[in-house]
Amino acid sequence: MAEPVLSPQEEGKRAAGEAAAALVEDGMRLGLGTGSTVRWVLEALGRRIRDEGLRITGIPTSEQTAARARELGIPLTDFAATEALDLCIDGADEVERGTLRLIKGLGGALLREKIVAEAAGRFVAVVDASKIVEMLGVKAPLPVEVTEFGWESTARRLAALGGSPVLRRRDGAVLRTDGGNLILDCAGFAPIRDPLGLQRELKTIAGVVETGLFLAGAEQAIVGGADGGVEVLRRA
């Protein structure tokens, strides 16, 4: 059976995901991200396990990733058994050129993604070319994960800062993260000229669990093109 023809954007995601999977070495402990580009990372890792006998373990950033990893035969672990990770591979909703700072969380897994990223010695972002921006916030709203209790009050605090928060829903129902929290998408902060200052301000608000600002940045961003080629961006 012939393989399905991919859209140019999906071809870019496939190229980036496969290039990132090629960085993985035998014996590595991995952070396994969430999202449509990471799907291709998982597929490639599953093939390497089958074809090469690659020995790895992974900590998934979402239940969705965990389920797919099990289907592909990727061994999983947790932080009770693993103190640190060698490499985390994850997608991003925006990658700021030069700094490689990120906005993440449109997939709803930002808290777990940040925990896993901070436990990894190296962090690599995998994206298609549409995710590269000159300044954070110009394309994606900033996701802010909040507790369900008092979320209306938290939303008012975010609105007072200019965030224009919108409660995220999916198929008409309020979306809950794997941790049982809610997400407020804040498009009003764009463009984010002082992400460090904004992060500090947001984290002082009771009810804010985490934000989608990943300001430590990635070691590198593997950017997949529509032609199946990849470009590797590194921090300036």
Protein backbone atom coordinates (compact mmCIF):
# COMPACT_ATOMS: atom_id res chain seq x y z
CA MET A 1 0.00 0.00 0.00
CA ALA A 2 1.35 3.40 -1.01
CA GLU A 3 2.09 5.83 1.80
CA PRO A 4 -0.40 8.72 2.07
CA VAL A 5 0.67 12.02 0.53
CA LEU A 6 1.49 14.51 3.28
CA SER A 7 0.66 18.20 3.24
CA PRO A 8 3.70 20.52 3.04
CA GLN A 9 3.34 21.37 6.72
CA GLU A 10 3.05 17.73 7.74
CA GLU A 11 6.06 16.87 5.60
CA GLY A 12 8.00 19.46 7.57
CA LYS A 13 6.87 17.94 10.86
CA ARG A 14 7.88 14.47 9.69
CA ALA A 15 11.33 15.68 8.62
CA ALA A 16 11.94 17.48 11.92
CA GLY A 17 10.73 14.54 14.00
CA GLU A 18 12.89 12.01 12.19
CA ALA A 19 15.96 14.25 12.40
CA ALA A 20 15.48 14.64 16.15
CA ALA A 21 15.04 10.90 16.65
CA ALA A 22 18.38 10.40 14.91
CA LEU A 23 20.06 12.31 17.80
CA VAL A 24 19.05 9.61 20.28
CA GLU A 25 21.84 7.30 21.40
CA ASP A 26 21.70 3.83 22.90
CA GLY A 27 21.02 3.86 26.64
CA MET A 28 19.53 7.37 26.75
CA ARG A 29 16.80 8.41 29.17
CA LEU A 30 14.43 10.62 27.21
CA GLY A 31 11.74 13.17 27.82
CA LEU A 32 9.01 12.43 25.28
CA GLY A 33 7.02 15.53 24.35
CA THR A 34 3.47 15.98 23.17
CA GLY A 35 1.96 17.11 19.89
CA SER A 36 1.69 16.55 16.18
CA THR A 37 5.42 16.87 15.47
CA VAL A 38 6.44 14.64 18.36
CA ARG A 39 4.20 11.97 16.84
CA TRP A 40 6.84 11.57 14.13
CA VAL A 41 9.61 11.38 16.75
CA LEU A 42 7.81 8.49 18.43
CA GLU A 43 7.27 6.69 15.13
CA ALA A 44 10.98 6.97 14.32
CA LEU A 45 12.05 5.81 17.79
CA GLY A 46 9.73 2.82 17.52
CA ARG A 47 11.37 1.84 14.22
CA ARG A 48 14.85 2.21 15.67
CA ILE A 49 13.92 -0.03 18.60
CA ARG A 50 12.62 -2.69 16.20
CA ASP A 51 15.31 -2.39 13.53
CA GLU A 52 18.42 -1.47 15.51
CA GLY A 53 17.72 -2.84 18.96
CA LEU A 54 17.96 0.69 20.36
CA ARG A 55 17.73 0.61 24.16
CA ILE A 56 16.07 3.67 25.65
CA THR A 57 13.58 4.63 28.33
CA GLY A 58 11.26 7.61 28.24
CA ILE A 59 9.15 9.76 30.51
CA PRO A 60 6.09 11.01 28.60
CA THR A 61 4.70 14.51 29.04
CA SER A 62 1.08 13.45 28.54
CA GLU A 63 -1.22 10.44 28.74
CA GLN A 64 -1.61 10.71 24.97
CA THR A 65 2.13 10.35 24.44
CA ALA A 66 2.32 7.52 26.96
CA ALA A 67 -0.37 5.55 25.14
CA ARG A 68 1.28 5.97 21.74
CA ALA A 69 4.73 5.10 23.12
CA ARG A 70 3.38 1.84 24.54
CA GLU A 71 1.81 0.99 21.18
CA LEU A 72 5.19 1.50 19.51
CA GLY A 73 7.12 -0.54 22.06
CA ILE A 74 8.98 2.38 23.64
CA PRO A 75 9.80 1.51 27.28
CA LEU A 76 8.55 4.07 29.78
CA THR A 77 9.69 5.03 33.26
CA ASP A 78 8.92 7.76 35.81
CA PHE A 79 10.72 10.13 38.15
CA ALA A 80 10.51 7.68 41.03
CA ALA A 81 12.92 5.46 39.10
CA THR A 82 14.82 8.12 37.12
CA GLU A 83 16.57 11.08 38.70
CA ALA A 84 17.52 12.92 35.50
CA LEU A 85 17.04 12.71 31.75
CA ASP A 86 19.70 12.90 29.06
CA LEU A 87 17.56 14.55 26.40
CA CYS A 88 14.05 15.95 26.02
CA ILE A 89 12.51 16.25 22.56
CA ASP A 90 9.33 18.29 22.32
CA GLY A 91 7.39 20.48 19.96
CA ALA A 92 6.57 24.16 20.36
CA ASP A 93 3.86 26.57 19.32
CA GLU A 94 6.39 29.37 18.81
CA VAL A 95 10.18 29.45 18.70
CA GLU A 96 11.79 32.88 19.00
CA ARG A 97 14.63 33.17 16.54
CA GLY A 98 17.99 33.86 18.17
CA THR A 99 17.04 33.12 21.79
CA LEU A 100 15.16 29.87 21.04
CA ARG A 101 12.76 30.77 23.82
CA LEU A 102 9.41 29.06 23.37
CA ILE A 103 5.68 29.28 23.83
CA LYS A 104 4.20 25.86 24.48
CA GLY A 105 0.90 24.52 25.71
CA LEU A 106 -1.60 24.60 22.85
CA GLY A 107 -1.62 20.82 23.19
CA GLY A 108 -2.64 21.18 26.84
CA ALA A 109 0.41 19.54 28.45
CA LEU A 110 2.50 22.57 29.42
CA LEU A 111 2.96 21.77 33.13
CA ARG A 112 4.20 18.23 32.55
CA GLU A 113 6.23 19.42 29.57
CA LYS A 114 8.04 21.98 31.74
CA ILE A 115 8.73 19.47 34.53
CA VAL A 116 10.23 17.03 32.04
CA ALA A 117 12.21 19.71 30.19
CA GLU A 118 13.77 21.01 33.41
CA ALA A 119 14.85 17.48 34.36
CA ALA A 120 16.73 17.02 31.08
CA GLY A 121 20.37 17.85 30.45
CA ARG A 122 19.51 18.82 26.86
CA PHE A 123 16.32 20.12 25.29
CA VAL A 124 15.64 20.00 21.55
CA ALA A 125 12.56 21.57 19.94
CA VAL A 126 11.07 20.03 16.81
CA VAL A 127 8.87 22.27 14.67
CA ASP A 128 7.83 23.08 11.14
CA ALA A 129 8.86 26.42 9.67
CA SER A 130 5.55 28.13 10.53
CA LYS A 131 6.48 28.11 14.25
CA ILE A 132 9.52 30.39 13.93
CA VAL A 133 8.85 33.97 15.08
CA GLU A 134 10.87 37.12 15.69
CA MET A 135 9.09 37.83 19.00
CA LEU A 136 7.01 35.58 21.24
CA GLY A 137 3.26 35.95 21.17
CA VAL A 138 2.84 37.14 17.58
CA LYS A 139 1.14 33.94 16.41
CA ALA A 140 0.11 31.91 19.44
CA PRO A 141 -1.80 33.00 22.54
CA LEU A 142 0.02 32.41 25.80
CA PRO A 143 -1.49 29.41 27.62
CA VAL A 144 -1.71 29.74 31.39
CA GLU A 145 -2.60 26.63 33.38
CA VAL A 146 -4.76 27.42 36.43
CA THR A 147 -6.52 25.58 39.21
CA GLU A 148 -10.21 24.89 38.69
CA PHE A 149 -11.03 26.38 42.07
CA GLY A 150 -11.36 30.12 41.72
CA TRP A 151 -10.43 30.15 38.04
CA GLU A 152 -12.83 33.04 37.45
CA SER A 153 -10.94 35.17 39.98
CA THR A 154 -7.62 34.13 38.42
CA ALA A 155 -8.96 35.07 35.00
CA ARG A 156 -9.91 38.53 36.27
CA ARG A 157 -6.36 39.02 37.56
CA LEU A 158 -4.97 38.02 34.17
CA ALA A 159 -7.41 40.34 32.43
CA ALA A 160 -6.29 43.22 34.63
CA LEU A 161 -2.76 42.66 33.32
CA GLY A 162 -4.04 42.90 29.75
CA GLY A 163 -4.05 39.17 28.96
CA SER A 164 -7.62 38.89 27.60
CA PRO A 165 -7.90 35.32 28.94
CA VAL A 166 -10.26 32.84 27.29
CA LEU A 167 -11.14 29.53 28.95
CA ARG A 168 -10.08 26.73 26.65
CA ARG A 169 -12.76 24.34 25.47
CA ARG A 170 -12.67 21.32 23.21
CA ASP A 171 -15.73 20.07 21.36
CA GLY A 172 -17.84 22.43 23.45
CA ALA A 173 -16.62 21.11 26.81
CA VAL A 174 -14.15 22.76 29.16
CA LEU A 175 -10.73 21.22 28.59
CA ARG A 176 -8.98 19.73 31.61
CA THR A 177 -5.31 18.89 31.59
CA ASP A 178 -3.97 15.48 32.61
CA GLY A 179 -3.45 17.04 36.04
CA GLY A 180 -7.09 18.17 36.26
CA ASN A 181 -6.38 21.87 35.77
CA LEU A 182 -7.85 24.40 33.32
CA ILE A 183 -6.13 26.49 30.67
CA LEU A 184 -6.68 30.18 30.00
CA ASP A 185 -5.40 31.28 26.59
CA CYS A 186 -4.12 34.85 26.80
CA ALA A 187 -3.75 36.50 23.41
CA GLY A 188 -3.72 39.99 24.92
CA PHE A 189 -0.09 39.84 26.03
CA ALA A 190 1.14 39.85 22.42
CA PRO A 191 3.71 40.78 21.43
CA ILE A 192 5.62 39.71 24.53
CA ARG A 193 8.44 42.25 24.73
CA ASP A 194 9.54 41.33 28.28
CA PRO A 195 8.87 37.61 28.72
CA LEU A 196 10.97 37.35 31.89
CA GLY A 197 9.05 40.16 33.53
CA LEU A 198 5.72 38.74 32.41
CA GLN A 199 6.62 35.31 33.75
CA ARG A 200 7.52 36.75 37.16
CA GLU A 201 4.28 38.71 37.29
CA LEU A 202 2.08 35.79 36.30
CA LYS A 203 3.65 33.42 38.81
CA THR A 204 2.73 35.77 41.69
CA ILE A 205 -0.99 35.23 41.00
CA ALA A 206 -2.64 32.66 43.27
CA GLY A 207 -4.26 30.01 41.11
CA VAL A 208 -1.68 30.16 38.34
CA VAL A 209 -0.04 26.74 38.20
CA GLU A 210 2.29 27.33 35.24
CA THR A 211 2.65 29.34 32.06
CA GLY A 212 3.55 28.35 28.53
CA LEU A 213 6.66 30.52 28.54
CA PHE A 214 9.72 28.27 28.26
CA LEU A 215 12.40 30.88 28.80
CA ALA A 216 15.42 28.67 29.32
CA GLY A 217 15.07 28.06 25.61
CA ALA A 218 16.06 25.06 23.55
CA GLU A 219 19.61 23.93 22.88
CA GLN A 220 18.59 23.72 19.26
CA ALA A 221 15.45 23.86 17.17
CA ILE A 222 15.14 21.38 14.34
CA VAL A 223 12.96 23.04 11.73
CA GLY A 224 11.40 20.85 9.06
CA GLY A 225 10.74 22.29 5.62
CA ALA A 226 7.96 21.50 3.17
CA ASP A 227 10.52 19.84 0.88
CA GLY A 228 11.53 17.35 3.57
CA GLY A 229 14.76 19.17 4.41
CA VAL A 230 15.70 20.41 7.86
CA GLU A 231 17.37 23.51 9.25
CA VAL A 232 18.99 23.46 12.68
CA LEU A 233 18.77 26.71 14.64
CA ARG A 234 21.00 27.31 17.64
CA ARG A 235 20.94 30.00 20.30
CA ALA A 236 22.75 33.17 19.30
